[in-house]
C-alpha cells in the first residue's frame, strides 16, 4: 500500500511539473510569435523593394532589344 501511494504522489508531481513546463513553453512561444511578426513585416518590405528593382531591370533589357532591332531594319 505504501509503495502505491508513493508512486501516485510521484506521478502527480510529474504531471504538475509537465504542466508548468507547458505553461512556460506557451509563454515563450507567444514572445517568439511577437518577435516573428515584427521580423516578417520587415522582410515583406525588403521583398517588395527587391521585386521593384527586378521589374525595372527587365524593362531596361526589353528596351535595349527593341533598339537593336530598329538598327537592323534601317
PDB file of N, CA and C in Angstrom:
ATOM      1  N   UNK A   1       0.838  -1.206   0.000  1.00  0.00           N
ATOM      2  CA  UNK A   1       0.000   0.000   0.000  1.00  0.00           C
ATOM      3  C   UNK A   1       0.876   1.259   0.000  1.00  0.00           C
ATOM      4  N   UNK A   2       1.911   1.223   0.811  1.00  0.00           N
ATOM      5  CA  UNK A   2       2.771   2.398   0.888  1.00  0.00           C
ATOM      6  C   UNK A   2       3.444   2.689  -0.458  1.00  0.00           C
ATOM      7  N   UNK A   3       3.886   1.634  -1.104  1.00  0.00           N
ATOM      8  CA  UNK A   3       4.556   1.824  -2.395  1.00  0.00           C
ATOM      9  C   UNK A   3       3.605   2.453  -3.415  1.00  0.00           C
ATOM     10  N   UNK A   4       2.364   1.975  -3.431  1.00  0.00           N
ATOM     11  CA  UNK A   4       1.374   2.501  -4.376  1.00  0.00           C
ATOM     12  C   UNK A   4       1.128   3.985  -4.124  1.00  0.00           C
ATOM     13  N   UNK A   5       0.999   4.350  -2.858  1.00  0.00           N
ATOM     14  CA  UNK A   5       0.767   5.756  -2.521  1.00  0.00           C
ATOM     15  C   UNK A   5       1.945   6.611  -2.966  1.00  0.00           C
ATOM     16  N   UNK A   6       3.148   6.115  -2.738  1.00  0.00           N
ATOM     17  CA  UNK A   6       4.338   6.865  -3.149  1.00  0.00           C
ATOM     18  C   UNK A   6       4.373   7.040  -4.664  1.00  0.00           C
ATOM     19  N   UNK A   7       4.036   5.982  -5.378  1.00  0.00           N
ATOM     20  CA  UNK A   7       4.024   6.049  -6.841  1.00  0.00           C
ATOM     21  C   UNK A   7       3.000   7.068  -7.329  1.00  0.00           C
ATOM     22  N   UNK A   8       1.842   7.066  -6.706  1.00  0.00           N
ATOM     23  CA  UNK A   8       0.796   8.017  -7.090  1.00  0.00           C
ATOM     24  C   UNK A   8       1.265   9.448  -6.856  1.00  0.00           C
ATOM     25  N   UNK A   9       1.912   9.669  -5.726  1.00  0.00           N
ATOM     26  CA  UNK A   9       2.418  11.006  -5.418  1.00  0.00           C
ATOM     27  C   UNK A   9       3.458  11.431  -6.450  1.00  0.00           C
ATOM     28  N   UNK A  10       4.329  10.517  -6.808  1.00  0.00           N
ATOM     29  CA  UNK A  10       5.356  10.830  -7.804  1.00  0.00           C
ATOM     30  C   UNK A  10       4.725  11.174  -9.154  1.00  0.00           C
ATOM     31  N   UNK A  11       3.707  10.405  -9.518  1.00  0.00           N
ATOM     32  CA  UNK A  11       3.020  10.673 -10.786  1.00  0.00           C
ATOM     33  C   UNK A  11       2.370  12.051 -10.766  1.00  0.00           C
ATOM     34  N   UNK A  12       1.749  12.388  -9.665  1.00  0.00           N
ATOM     35  CA  UNK A  12       1.104  13.698  -9.545  1.00  0.00           C
ATOM     36  C   UNK A  12       2.137  14.812  -9.662  1.00  0.00           C
ATOM     37  N   UNK A  13       3.264  14.630  -8.999  1.00  0.00           N
ATOM     38  CA  UNK A  13       4.323  15.638  -9.072  1.00  0.00           C
ATOM     39  C   UNK A  13       4.838  15.788 -10.503  1.00  0.00           C
ATOM     40  N   UNK A  14       5.010  14.676 -11.174  1.00  0.00           N
ATOM     41  CA  UNK A  14       5.477  14.721 -12.567  1.00  0.00           C
ATOM     42  C   UNK A  14       4.484  15.461 -13.450  1.00  0.00           C
ATOM     43  N   UNK A  15       3.204  15.182 -13.237  1.00  0.00           N
ATOM     44  CA  UNK A  15       2.170  15.854 -14.034  1.00  0.00           C
ATOM     45  C   UNK A  15       2.197  17.359 -13.783  1.00  0.00           C
ATOM     46  N   UNK A  16       2.358  17.740 -12.531  1.00  0.00           N
ATOM     47  CA  UNK A  16       2.417  19.168 -12.206  1.00  0.00           C
ATOM     48  C   UNK A  16       3.618  19.823 -12.878  1.00  0.00           C
ATOM     49  N   UNK A  17       4.751  19.151 -12.845  1.00  0.00           N
ATOM     50  CA  UNK A  17       5.950  19.694 -13.486  1.00  0.00           C
ATOM     51  C   UNK A  17       5.742  19.846 -14.987  1.00  0.00           C
ATOM     52  N   UNK A  18       5.113  18.862 -15.594  1.00  0.00           N
ATOM     53  CA  UNK A  18       4.847  18.928 -17.036  1.00  0.00           C
ATOM     54  C   UNK A  18       3.941  20.108 -17.362  1.00  0.00           C
ATOM     55  N   UNK A  19       2.923  20.305 -16.548  1.00  0.00           N
ATOM     56  CA  UNK A  19       2.010  21.427 -16.780  1.00  0.00           C
ATOM     57  C   UNK A  19       2.752  22.754 -16.674  1.00  0.00           C
ATOM     58  N   UNK A  20       3.613  22.856 -15.681  1.00  0.00           N
ATOM     59  CA  UNK A  20       4.394  24.086 -15.524  1.00  0.00           C
ATOM     60  C   UNK A  20       5.296  24.312 -16.730  1.00  0.00           C
ATOM     61  N   UNK A  21       5.909  23.251 -17.205  1.00  0.00           N
ATOM     62  CA  UNK A  21       6.774  23.366 -18.382  1.00  0.00           C
ATOM     63  C   UNK A  21       5.969  23.814 -19.598  1.00  0.00           C
ATOM     64  N   UNK A  22       4.787  23.246 -19.770  1.00  0.00           N
ATOM     65  CA  UNK A  22       3.938  23.614 -20.910  1.00  0.00           C
ATOM     66  C   UNK A  22       3.545  25.083 -20.827  1.00  0.00           C
ATOM     67  N   UNK A  23       3.193  25.536 -19.630  1.00  0.00           N
ATOM     68  CA  UNK A  23       2.839  26.950 -19.471  1.00  0.00           C
ATOM     69  C   UNK A  23       4.033  27.824 -19.822  1.00  0.00           C
ATOM     70  N   UNK A  24       5.189  27.434 -19.365  1.00  0.00           N
ATOM     71  CA  UNK A  24       6.407  28.181 -19.673  1.00  0.00           C
ATOM     72  C   UNK A  24       6.668  28.207 -21.168  1.00  0.00           C
ATOM     73  N   UNK A  25       6.461  27.078 -21.821  1.00  0.00           N
ATOM     74  CA  UNK A  25       6.663  26.990 -23.278  1.00  0.00           C
ATOM     75  C   UNK A  25       5.694  27.898 -24.009  1.00  0.00           C
ATOM     76  N   UNK A  26       4.438  27.884 -23.561  1.00  0.00           N
ATOM     77  CA  UNK A  26       3.435  28.726 -24.217  1.00  0.00           C
ATOM     78  C   UNK A  26       3.810  30.197 -24.104  1.00  0.00           C
ATOM     79  N   UNK A  27       4.296  30.600 -22.964  1.00  0.00           N
ATOM     80  CA  UNK A  27       4.708  31.994 -22.787  1.00  0.00           C
ATOM     81  C   UNK A  27       5.859  32.320 -23.727  1.00  0.00           C
ATOM     82  N   UNK A  28       6.810  31.408 -23.825  1.00  0.00           N
ATOM     83  CA  UNK A  28       7.946  31.617 -24.720  1.00  0.00           C
ATOM     84  C   UNK A  28       7.481  31.686 -26.164  1.00  0.00           C
ATOM     85  N   UNK A  29       6.550  30.811 -26.531  1.00  0.00           N
ATOM     86  CA  UNK A  29       6.031  30.796 -27.902  1.00  0.00           C
ATOM     87  C   UNK A  29       5.364  32.122 -28.224  1.00  0.00           C
ATOM     88  N   UNK A  30       4.592  32.640 -27.285  1.00  0.00           N
ATOM     89  CA  UNK A  30       3.914  33.916 -27.507  1.00  0.00           C
ATOM     90  C   UNK A  30       4.943  35.016 -27.742  1.00  0.00           C
ATOM     91  N   UNK A  31       5.994  35.017 -26.954  1.00  0.00           N
ATOM     92  CA  UNK A  31       7.047  36.016 -27.125  1.00  0.00           C
ATOM     93  C   UNK A  31       7.702  35.857 -28.486  1.00  0.00           C
ATOM     94  N   UNK A  32       7.981  34.619 -28.863  1.00  0.00           N
ATOM     95  CA  UNK A  32       8.611  34.357 -30.160  1.00  0.00           C
ATOM     96  C   UNK A  32       7.696  34.801 -31.292  1.00  0.00           C
ATOM     97  N   UNK A  33       6.398  34.532 -31.156  1.00  0.00           N
ATOM     98  CA  UNK A  33       5.447  34.922 -32.199  1.00  0.00           C
ATOM     99  C   UNK A  33       5.475  36.435 -32.391  1.00  0.00           C
ATOM    100  N   UNK A  34       5.524  37.171 -31.302  1.00  0.00           N
ATOM    101  CA  UNK A  34       5.567  38.627 -31.405  1.00  0.00           C
ATOM    102  C   UNK A  34       6.824  39.054 -32.148  1.00  0.00           C
ATOM    103  N   UNK A  35       7.944  38.451 -31.807  1.00  0.00           N
ATOM    104  CA  UNK A  35       9.197  38.780 -32.477  1.00  0.00           C
ATOM    105  C   UNK A  35       9.130  38.408 -33.948  1.00  0.00           C
ATOM    106  N   UNK A  36       8.569  37.241 -34.239  1.00  0.00           N
ATOM    107  CA  UNK A  36       8.470  36.785 -35.624  1.00  0.00           C
ATOM    108  C   UNK A  36       7.613  37.739 -36.434  1.00  0.00           C
ATOM    109  N   UNK A  37       6.521  38.206 -35.869  1.00  0.00           N
ATOM    110  CA  UNK A  37       5.646  39.126 -36.590  1.00  0.00           C
ATOM    111  C   UNK A  37       6.415  40.378 -36.982  1.00  0.00           C
ATOM    112  N   UNK A  38       7.198  40.901 -36.074  1.00  0.00           N
ATOM    113  CA  UNK A  38       7.987  42.095 -36.372  1.00  0.00           C
ATOM    114  C   UNK A  38       8.977  41.800 -37.485  1.00  0.00           C
ATOM    115  N   UNK A  39       9.632  40.669 -37.410  1.00  0.00           N
ATOM    116  CA  UNK A  39      10.605  40.298 -38.433  1.00  0.00           C
ATOM    117  C   UNK A  39       9.924  40.114 -39.777  1.00  0.00           C
ATOM    118  N   UNK A  40       8.763  39.472 -39.783  1.00  0.00           N
ATOM    119  CA  UNK A  40       8.047  39.231 -41.033  1.00  0.00           C
ATOM    120  C   UNK A  40       7.704  40.551 -41.710  1.00  0.00           C
ATOM    121  N   UNK A  41       7.267  41.523 -40.953  1.00  0.00           N
ATOM    122  CA  UNK A  41       6.919  42.819 -41.532  1.00  0.00           C
ATOM    123  C   UNK A  41       8.139  43.427 -42.212  1.00  0.00           C
ATOM    124  N   UNK A  42       9.275  43.361 -41.562  1.00  0.00           N
ATOM    125  CA  UNK A  42      10.497  43.909 -42.142  1.00  0.00           C
ATOM    126  C   UNK A  42      10.866  43.163 -43.410  1.00  0.00           C
ATOM    127  N   UNK A  43      10.758  41.848 -43.379  1.00  0.00           N
ATOM    128  CA  UNK A  43      11.108  41.036 -44.547  1.00  0.00           C
ATOM    129  C   UNK A  43      10.193  41.371 -45.714  1.00  0.00           C
ATOM    130  N   UNK A  44       8.919  41.540 -45.461  1.00  0.00           N
ATOM    131  CA  UNK A  44       7.975  41.848 -46.532  1.00  0.00           C
ATOM    132  C   UNK A  44       8.365  43.155 -47.213  1.00  0.00           C
ATOM    133  N   UNK A  45       8.728  44.150 -46.451  1.00  0.00           N
ATOM    134  CA  UNK A  45       9.126  45.434 -47.026  1.00  0.00           C
ATOM    135  C   UNK A  45      10.349  45.248 -47.913  1.00  0.00           C
ATOM    136  N   UNK A  46      11.311  44.497 -47.442  1.00  0.00           N
ATOM    137  CA  UNK A  46      12.525  44.264 -48.222  1.00  0.00           C
ATOM    138  C   UNK A  46      12.196  43.535 -49.515  1.00  0.00           C
ATOM    139  N   UNK A  47      11.343  42.530 -49.433  1.00  0.00           N
ATOM    140  CA  UNK A  47      10.982  41.756 -50.620  1.00  0.00           C
ATOM    141  C   UNK A  47      10.320  42.654 -51.654  1.00  0.00           C
ATOM    142  N   UNK A  48       9.446  43.523 -51.244  1.00  0.00           N
ATOM    143  CA  UNK A  48       8.762  44.416 -52.176  1.00  0.00           C
ATOM    144  C   UNK A  48       9.778  45.286 -52.904  1.00  0.00           C
ATOM    145  N   UNK A  49      10.736  45.810 -52.183  1.00  0.00           N
ATOM    146  CA  UNK A  49      11.760  46.651 -52.798  1.00  0.00           C
ATOM    147  C   UNK A  49      12.541  45.858 -53.837  1.00  0.00           C
ATOM    148  N   UNK A  50      12.906  44.649 -53.505  1.00  0.00           N
ATOM    149  CA  UNK A  50      13.670  43.814 -54.432  1.00  0.00           C
ATOM    150  C   UNK A  50      12.863  43.549 -55.693  1.00  0.00           C
ATOM    151  N   UNK A  51      11.596  43.255 -55.553  1.00  0.00           N
ATOM    152  CA  UNK A  51      10.748  42.974 -56.708  1.00  0.00           C
ATOM    153  C   UNK A  51      10.701  44.186 -57.632  1.00  0.00           C
ATOM    154  N   UNK A  52      10.566  45.363 -57.082  1.00  0.00           N
ATOM    155  CA  UNK A  52      10.509  46.577 -57.896  1.00  0.00           C
ATOM    156  C   UNK A  52      11.800  46.733 -58.691  1.00  0.00           C
ATOM    157  N   UNK A  53      12.922  46.500 -58.057  1.00  0.00           N
ATOM    158  CA  UNK A  53      14.207  46.627 -58.737  1.00  0.00           C
ATOM    159  C   UNK A  53      14.294  45.647 -59.894  1.00  0.00           C
ATOM    160  N   UNK A  54      13.859  44.430 -59.671  1.00  0.00           N
ATOM    161  CA  UNK A  54      13.917  43.410 -60.718  1.00  0.00           C
ATOM    162  C   UNK A  54      13.058  43.827 -61.904  1.00  0.00           C
ATOM    163  N   UNK A  55      11.893  44.345 -61.666  1.00  0.00           N
ATOM    164  CA  UNK A  55      10.999  44.763 -62.744  1.00  0.00           C
ATOM    165  C   UNK A  55      11.658  45.859 -63.572  1.00  0.00           C
ATOM    166  N   UNK A  56      12.297  46.805 -62.920  1.00  0.00           N
ATOM    167  CA  UNK A  56      12.962  47.894 -63.633  1.00  0.00           C
ATOM    168  C   UNK A  56      14.050  47.337 -64.539  1.00  0.00           C
ATOM    169  N   UNK A  57      14.820  46.413 -64.045  1.00  0.00           N
ATOM    170  CA  UNK A  57      15.896  45.824 -64.839  1.00  0.00           C
ATOM    171  C   UNK A  57      15.328  45.135 -66.066  1.00  0.00           C
ATOM    172  N   UNK A  58      14.256  44.419 -65.907  1.00  0.00           N
ATOM    173  CA  UNK A  58      13.636  43.708 -67.025  1.00  0.00           C
ATOM    174  C   UNK A  58      13.176  44.689 -68.092  1.00  0.00           C
ATOM    175  N   UNK A  59      12.573  45.763 -67.689  1.00  0.00           N
ATOM    176  CA  UNK A  59      12.090  46.763 -68.641  1.00  0.00           C
ATOM    177  C   UNK A  59      13.257  47.323 -69.444  1.00  0.00           C
ATOM    178  N   UNK A  60      14.351  47.610 -68.793  1.00  0.00           N
ATOM    179  CA  UNK A  60      15.518  48.160 -69.476  1.00  0.00           C
ATOM    180  C   UNK A  60      16.022  47.181 -70.524  1.00  0.00           C
ATOM    181  N   UNK A  61      16.083  45.926 -70.183  1.00  0.00           N
ATOM    182  CA  UNK A  61      16.566  44.910 -71.123  1.00  0.00           C
ATOM    183  C   UNK A  61      15.665  44.862 -72.350  1.00  0.00           C
ATOM    184  N   UNK A  62      14.382  44.910 -72.165  1.00  0.00           N
ATOM    185  CA  UNK A  62      13.439  44.855 -73.277  1.00  0.00           C
ATOM    186  C   UNK A  62      13.646  46.058 -74.193  1.00  0.00           C
ATOM    187  N   UNK A  63      13.840  47.217 -73.634  1.00  0.00           N
ATOM    188  CA  UNK A  63      14.031  48.428 -74.429  1.00  0.00           C
ATOM    189  C   UNK A  63      15.293  48.300 -75.278  1.00  0.00           C
ATOM    190  N   UNK A  64      16.346  47.792 -74.712  1.00  0.00           N
ATOM    191  CA  UNK A  64      17.601  47.640 -75.442  1.00  0.00           C
ATOM    192  C   UNK A  64      17.407  46.719 -76.636  1.00  0.00           C
ATOM    193  N   UNK A  65      16.690  45.645 -76.447  1.00  0.00           N
ATOM    194  CA  UNK A  65      16.457  44.690 -77.529  1.00  0.00           C
ATOM    195  C   UNK A  65      15.687  45.363 -78.660  1.00  0.00           C
ATOM    196  N   UNK A  66      14.705  46.146 -78.343  1.00  0.00           N
ATOM    197  CA  UNK A  66      13.903  46.833 -79.358  1.00  0.00           C
ATOM    198  C   UNK A  66      14.785  47.782 -80.164  1.00  0.00           C
ATOM    199  N   UNK A  67      15.666  48.490 -79.512  1.00  0.00           N
ATOM    200  CA  UNK A  67      16.555  49.431 -80.198  1.00  0.00           C
ATOM    201  C   UNK A  67      17.434  48.689 -81.195  1.00  0.00           C
ATOM    202  N   UNK A  68      17.943  47.565 -80.810  1.00  0.00           N
ATOM    203  CA  UNK A  68      18.813  46.783 -81.691  1.00  0.00           C
ATOM    204  C   UNK A  68      18.044  46.372 -82.942  1.00  0.00           C
ATOM    205  N   UNK A  69      16.818  45.960 -82.800  1.00  0.00           N
ATOM    206  CA  UNK A  69      16.002  45.535 -83.938  1.00  0.00           C
ATOM    207  C   UNK A  69      15.806  46.705 -84.904  1.00  0.00           C
ATOM    208  N   UNK A  70      15.569  47.876 -84.388  1.00  0.00           N
ATOM    209  CA  UNK A  70      15.350  49.055 -85.225  1.00  0.00           C
ATOM    210  C   UNK A  70      16.602  49.349 -86.044  1.00  0.00           C
ATOM    211  N   UNK A  71      17.754  49.226 -85.462  1.00  0.00           N
ATOM    212  CA  UNK A  71      19.009  49.498 -86.160  1.00  0.00           C
ATOM    213  C   UNK A  71      19.175  48.544 -87.333  1.00  0.00           C
ATOM    214  N   UNK A  72      18.812  47.307 -87.162  1.00  0.00           N
ATOM    215  CA  UNK A  72      18.949  46.310 -88.225  1.00  0.00           C
ATOM    216  C   UNK A  72      18.037  46.656 -89.400  1.00  0.00           C
ATOM    217  N   UNK A  73      16.851  47.134 -89.140  1.00  0.00           N
ATOM    218  CA  UNK A  73      15.887  47.463 -90.196  1.00  0.00           C
ATOM    219  C   UNK A  73      16.387  48.634 -91.037  1.00  0.00           C
ATOM    220  N   UNK A  74      17.015  49.610 -90.427  1.00  0.00           N
ATOM    221  CA  UNK A  74      17.421  50.837 -91.137  1.00  0.00           C
ATOM    222  C   UNK A  74      18.603  50.624 -92.054  1.00  0.00           C
TER     223      UNK A  74
END
